[in-house]
Amino acid sequence: MLDLGQFTPSNLPLHEIVGLIFYFITGVYAIFSGVLYYHWREYATDAKITAYTLIAYFTTTIPLVLAMGIMVLLIN
């Protein structure tokens, strides 16, 4: 059985901590993006502005998430 008393933050390597933080941020990003997409599609009045907003959001945030992922992979 796993003894949680032996678990201390100093036992975790830096790359595992950074990886866990990246997964957490990616999960929050996915949830937020889903909520944003739903609300813009359901409650927006102009379809053209909705499309522009969603395109702008995803084209600016997806490269940031990819850059974070690459940095996580390089920390080893």
C-alpha atoms as a PDB file:
ATOM      1  CA  MET A   1       0.000   0.000   0.000  1.00  0.00           C
ATOM      2  CA  LEU A   2       1.179   3.527  -0.738  1.00  0.00           C
ATOM      3  CA  ASP A   3       2.384   5.374   2.347  1.00  0.00           C
ATOM      4  CA  LEU A   4       1.450   9.037   1.911  1.00  0.00           C
ATOM      5  CA  GLY A   5       3.606   9.954   4.908  1.00  0.00           C
ATOM      6  CA  GLN A   6       6.678   9.433   2.742  1.00  0.00           C
ATOM      7  CA  PHE A   7       5.449  11.848   0.107  1.00  0.00           C
ATOM      8  CA  THR A   8       7.120  15.229   0.265  1.00  0.00           C
ATOM      9  CA  PRO A   9       7.382  17.878  -2.422  1.00  0.00           C
ATOM     10  CA  SER A  10      11.168  17.612  -2.298  1.00  0.00           C
ATOM     11  CA  ASN A  11      10.937  13.990  -3.489  1.00  0.00           C
ATOM     12  CA  LEU A  12       9.251  15.009  -6.748  1.00  0.00           C
ATOM     13  CA  PRO A  13      11.538  15.913  -9.637  1.00  0.00           C
ATOM     14  CA  LEU A  14      11.025  19.312 -11.223  1.00  0.00           C
ATOM     15  CA  HIS A  15       9.917  17.902 -14.588  1.00  0.00           C
ATOM     16  CA  GLU A  16       7.101  15.935 -12.917  1.00  0.00           C
ATOM     17  CA  ILE A  17       5.861  19.010 -11.058  1.00  0.00           C
ATOM     18  CA  VAL A  18       5.950  21.055 -14.250  1.00  0.00           C
ATOM     19  CA  GLY A  19       4.181  18.255 -16.125  1.00  0.00           C
ATOM     20  CA  LEU A  20       1.400  18.079 -13.555  1.00  0.00           C
ATOM     21  CA  ILE A  21       0.967  21.848 -13.655  1.00  0.00           C
ATOM     22  CA  PHE A  22       0.820  21.710 -17.462  1.00  0.00           C
ATOM     23  CA  TYR A  23      -1.871  19.018 -17.375  1.00  0.00           C
ATOM     24  CA  PHE A  24      -3.875  21.044 -14.870  1.00  0.00           C
ATOM     25  CA  ILE A  25      -3.610  24.217 -16.986  1.00  0.00           C
ATOM     26  CA  THR A  26      -4.539  22.269 -20.130  1.00  0.00           C
ATOM     27  CA  GLY A  27      -7.619  20.853 -18.386  1.00  0.00           C
ATOM     28  CA  VAL A  28      -8.704  24.292 -17.204  1.00  0.00           C
ATOM     29  CA  TYR A  29      -8.110  25.637 -20.727  1.00  0.00           C
ATOM     30  CA  ALA A  30     -10.251  22.885 -22.263  1.00  0.00           C
ATOM     31  CA  ILE A  31     -13.110  23.477 -19.826  1.00  0.00           C
ATOM     32  CA  PHE A  32     -12.956  27.250 -20.272  1.00  0.00           C
ATOM     33  CA  SER A  33     -12.823  26.905 -24.066  1.00  0.00           C
ATOM     34  CA  GLY A  34     -15.843  24.614 -24.062  1.00  0.00           C
ATOM     35  CA  VAL A  35     -17.833  27.020 -21.916  1.00  0.00           C
ATOM     36  CA  LEU A  36     -16.761  29.986 -24.042  1.00  0.00           C
ATOM     37  CA  TYR A  37     -17.649  28.183 -27.256  1.00  0.00           C
ATOM     38  CA  TYR A  38     -21.071  27.158 -25.932  1.00  0.00           C
ATOM     39  CA  HIS A  39     -21.956  30.623 -24.688  1.00  0.00           C
ATOM     40  CA  TRP A  40     -20.804  32.383 -27.839  1.00  0.00           C
ATOM     41  CA  ARG A  41     -22.735  29.951 -30.051  1.00  0.00           C
ATOM     42  CA  GLU A  42     -25.920  30.033 -27.964  1.00  0.00           C
ATOM     43  CA  TYR A  43     -26.196  33.632 -26.822  1.00  0.00           C
ATOM     44  CA  ALA A  44     -24.496  35.686 -29.532  1.00  0.00           C
ATOM     45  CA  THR A  45     -26.684  37.758 -31.827  1.00  0.00           C
ATOM     46  CA  ASP A  46     -24.354  38.079 -34.832  1.00  0.00           C
ATOM     47  CA  ALA A  47     -22.969  34.858 -36.285  1.00  0.00           C
ATOM     48  CA  LYS A  48     -20.174  36.645 -38.138  1.00  0.00           C
ATOM     49  CA  ILE A  49     -18.843  38.297 -34.969  1.00  0.00           C
ATOM     50  CA  THR A  50     -19.136  34.978 -33.141  1.00  0.00           C
ATOM     51  CA  ALA A  51     -17.011  33.282 -35.798  1.00  0.00           C
ATOM     52  CA  TYR A  52     -14.391  36.059 -35.686  1.00  0.00           C
ATOM     53  CA  THR A  53     -14.246  35.934 -31.899  1.00  0.00           C
ATOM     54  CA  LEU A  54     -13.843  32.162 -31.747  1.00  0.00           C
ATOM     55  CA  ILE A  55     -11.219  32.171 -34.506  1.00  0.00           C
ATOM     56  CA  ALA A  56      -9.272  34.940 -32.757  1.00  0.00           C
ATOM     57  CA  TYR A  57      -9.501  33.131 -29.412  1.00  0.00           C
ATOM     58  CA  PHE A  58      -8.293  29.791 -30.722  1.00  0.00           C
ATOM     59  CA  THR A  59      -5.583  31.209 -32.991  1.00  0.00           C
ATOM     60  CA  THR A  60      -4.057  33.123 -30.100  1.00  0.00           C
ATOM     61  CA  THR A  61      -4.401  30.520 -27.366  1.00  0.00           C
ATOM     62  CA  ILE A  62      -3.581  27.245 -29.115  1.00  0.00           C
ATOM     63  CA  PRO A  63      -0.003  28.352 -29.951  1.00  0.00           C
ATOM     64  CA  LEU A  64       0.464  29.351 -26.312  1.00  0.00           C
ATOM     65  CA  VAL A  65      -0.652  25.928 -25.104  1.00  0.00           C
ATOM     66  CA  LEU A  66       1.624  24.267 -27.671  1.00  0.00           C
ATOM     67  CA  ALA A  67       4.567  26.407 -26.528  1.00  0.00           C
ATOM     68  CA  MET A  68       3.888  25.395 -22.910  1.00  0.00           C
ATOM     69  CA  GLY A  69       3.766  21.746 -23.962  1.00  0.00           C
ATOM     70  CA  ILE A  70       7.067  22.008 -25.799  1.00  0.00           C
ATOM     71  CA  MET A  71       8.677  23.660 -22.769  1.00  0.00           C
ATOM     72  CA  VAL A  72       7.387  20.844 -20.551  1.00  0.00           C
ATOM     73  CA  LEU A  73       8.918  18.265 -22.869  1.00  0.00           C
ATOM     74  CA  LEU A  74      12.255  20.090 -22.887  1.00  0.00           C
ATOM     75  CA  ILE A  75      12.544  20.178 -19.080  1.00  0.00           C
ATOM     76  CA  ASN A  76      14.248  16.855 -18.442  1.00  0.00           C
END
